[in-house]
């Protein structure tokens, strides 16, 4: 079962950084906007990562149809 958010270990693996402030900077550089909890820990939603990195699209879970060439033009 996948979780709604990345774990602290997954954030550390993604950013290659240990300090939360530096992790947030790295995530923003990757186009990911982290949220901060009251205790200072970061929240990164898994759906945002999957959408950004080409995993399943956030939302419906339906597969996007790929465009077909216009064979009548050949």
C-alpha atoms as a PDB file:
ATOM      1  CA  UNK A   1       0.000   0.000   0.000  1.00  0.00           C
ATOM      2  CA  UNK A   2       1.421   3.368  -0.985  1.00  0.00           C
ATOM      3  CA  UNK A   3       1.121   6.333   1.315  1.00  0.00           C
ATOM      4  CA  UNK A   4      -0.230   9.785   0.527  1.00  0.00           C
ATOM      5  CA  UNK A   5       3.113  11.458   1.250  1.00  0.00           C
ATOM      6  CA  UNK A   6       6.790  10.612   0.869  1.00  0.00           C
ATOM      7  CA  UNK A   7       8.564   9.339   3.948  1.00  0.00           C
ATOM      8  CA  UNK A   8      11.478  11.246   5.466  1.00  0.00           C
ATOM      9  CA  UNK A   9      13.816   8.607   4.017  1.00  0.00           C
ATOM     10  CA  UNK A  10      12.323   9.051   0.540  1.00  0.00           C
ATOM     11  CA  UNK A  11      12.733  12.838   0.757  1.00  0.00           C
ATOM     12  CA  UNK A  12      16.331  12.333   1.862  1.00  0.00           C
ATOM     13  CA  UNK A  13      16.934   9.915  -1.047  1.00  0.00           C
ATOM     14  CA  UNK A  14      15.340  12.279  -3.576  1.00  0.00           C
ATOM     15  CA  UNK A  15      17.284  15.357  -2.453  1.00  0.00           C
ATOM     16  CA  UNK A  16      20.525  13.696  -1.293  1.00  0.00           C
ATOM     17  CA  UNK A  17      20.408  16.132   1.652  1.00  0.00           C
ATOM     18  CA  UNK A  18      19.773  15.706   5.403  1.00  0.00           C
ATOM     19  CA  UNK A  19      18.912  19.228   6.560  1.00  0.00           C
ATOM     20  CA  UNK A  20      15.269  20.120   6.050  1.00  0.00           C
ATOM     21  CA  UNK A  21      15.923  23.662   4.865  1.00  0.00           C
ATOM     22  CA  UNK A  22      18.348  22.425   2.218  1.00  0.00           C
ATOM     23  CA  UNK A  23      15.919  19.622   1.270  1.00  0.00           C
ATOM     24  CA  UNK A  24      13.197  22.238   0.687  1.00  0.00           C
ATOM     25  CA  UNK A  25      15.562  24.255  -1.519  1.00  0.00           C
ATOM     26  CA  UNK A  26      16.482  21.164  -3.551  1.00  0.00           C
ATOM     27  CA  UNK A  27      12.836  20.154  -3.956  1.00  0.00           C
ATOM     28  CA  UNK A  28      11.908  23.631  -5.203  1.00  0.00           C
ATOM     29  CA  UNK A  29      14.777  23.447  -7.706  1.00  0.00           C
ATOM     30  CA  UNK A  30      13.190  20.224  -8.997  1.00  0.00           C
ATOM     31  CA  UNK A  31       9.817  21.922  -9.383  1.00  0.00           C
ATOM     32  CA  UNK A  32       8.316  20.390  -6.239  1.00  0.00           C
ATOM     33  CA  UNK A  33       6.738  22.692  -3.658  1.00  0.00           C
ATOM     34  CA  UNK A  34       7.077  21.069  -0.230  1.00  0.00           C
ATOM     35  CA  UNK A  35       4.804  21.952   2.681  1.00  0.00           C
ATOM     36  CA  UNK A  36       6.128  22.368   6.213  1.00  0.00           C
ATOM     37  CA  UNK A  37       4.504  20.779   9.258  1.00  0.00           C
ATOM     38  CA  UNK A  38       4.407  22.668  12.570  1.00  0.00           C
ATOM     39  CA  UNK A  39       7.373  20.582  13.787  1.00  0.00           C
ATOM     40  CA  UNK A  40       9.419  21.705  10.754  1.00  0.00           C
ATOM     41  CA  UNK A  41       9.329  18.385   8.913  1.00  0.00           C
ATOM     42  CA  UNK A  42       8.506  18.471   5.207  1.00  0.00           C
ATOM     43  CA  UNK A  43       5.430  17.111   3.474  1.00  0.00           C
ATOM     44  CA  UNK A  44       5.697  16.090  -0.177  1.00  0.00           C
ATOM     45  CA  UNK A  45       2.658  14.513  -1.796  1.00  0.00           C
ATOM     46  CA  UNK A  46       3.399  11.320  -3.695  1.00  0.00           C
ATOM     47  CA  UNK A  47       0.915  12.215  -6.466  1.00  0.00           C
ATOM     48  CA  UNK A  48       2.881  15.404  -7.195  1.00  0.00           C
ATOM     49  CA  UNK A  49       6.089  13.405  -7.595  1.00  0.00           C
ATOM     50  CA  UNK A  50       4.450  10.773  -9.793  1.00  0.00           C
ATOM     51  CA  UNK A  51       2.909  13.430 -12.021  1.00  0.00           C
ATOM     52  CA  UNK A  52       6.151  15.392 -12.293  1.00  0.00           C
ATOM     53  CA  UNK A  53       8.361  12.380 -12.985  1.00  0.00           C
ATOM     54  CA  UNK A  54       6.038  10.761 -15.487  1.00  0.00           C
ATOM     55  CA  UNK A  55       4.388   8.156 -13.296  1.00  0.00           C
ATOM     56  CA  UNK A  56       0.667   7.704 -13.251  1.00  0.00           C
ATOM     57  CA  UNK A  57      -1.144  11.025 -13.660  1.00  0.00           C
ATOM     58  CA  UNK A  58      -2.726  12.483 -10.549  1.00  0.00           C
ATOM     59  CA  UNK A  59      -6.488  12.302 -10.476  1.00  0.00           C
ATOM     60  CA  UNK A  60      -8.591   9.764 -12.276  1.00  0.00           C
ATOM     61  CA  UNK A  61      -6.001   7.013 -12.559  1.00  0.00           C
ATOM     62  CA  UNK A  62      -7.039   6.524 -16.185  1.00  0.00           C
ATOM     63  CA  UNK A  63      -4.317   5.982 -18.727  1.00  0.00           C
ATOM     64  CA  UNK A  64      -3.855   8.833 -21.147  1.00  0.00           C
ATOM     65  CA  UNK A  65      -4.429   7.909 -24.768  1.00  0.00           C
ATOM     66  CA  UNK A  66      -1.485   8.453 -27.060  1.00  0.00           C
ATOM     67  CA  UNK A  67      -2.164  10.372 -30.269  1.00  0.00           C
ATOM     68  CA  UNK A  68      -2.374   8.349 -33.463  1.00  0.00           C
ATOM     69  CA  UNK A  69      -0.861   9.513 -36.751  1.00  0.00           C
ATOM     70  CA  UNK A  70      -3.209  10.737 -39.464  1.00  0.00           C
ATOM     71  CA  UNK A  71      -2.943   7.786 -41.824  1.00  0.00           C
ATOM     72  CA  UNK A  72      -5.241   9.419 -44.375  1.00  0.00           C
ATOM     73  CA  UNK A  73      -2.513  11.989 -45.078  1.00  0.00           C
ATOM     74  CA  UNK A  74      -0.136   9.287 -46.327  1.00  0.00           C
END
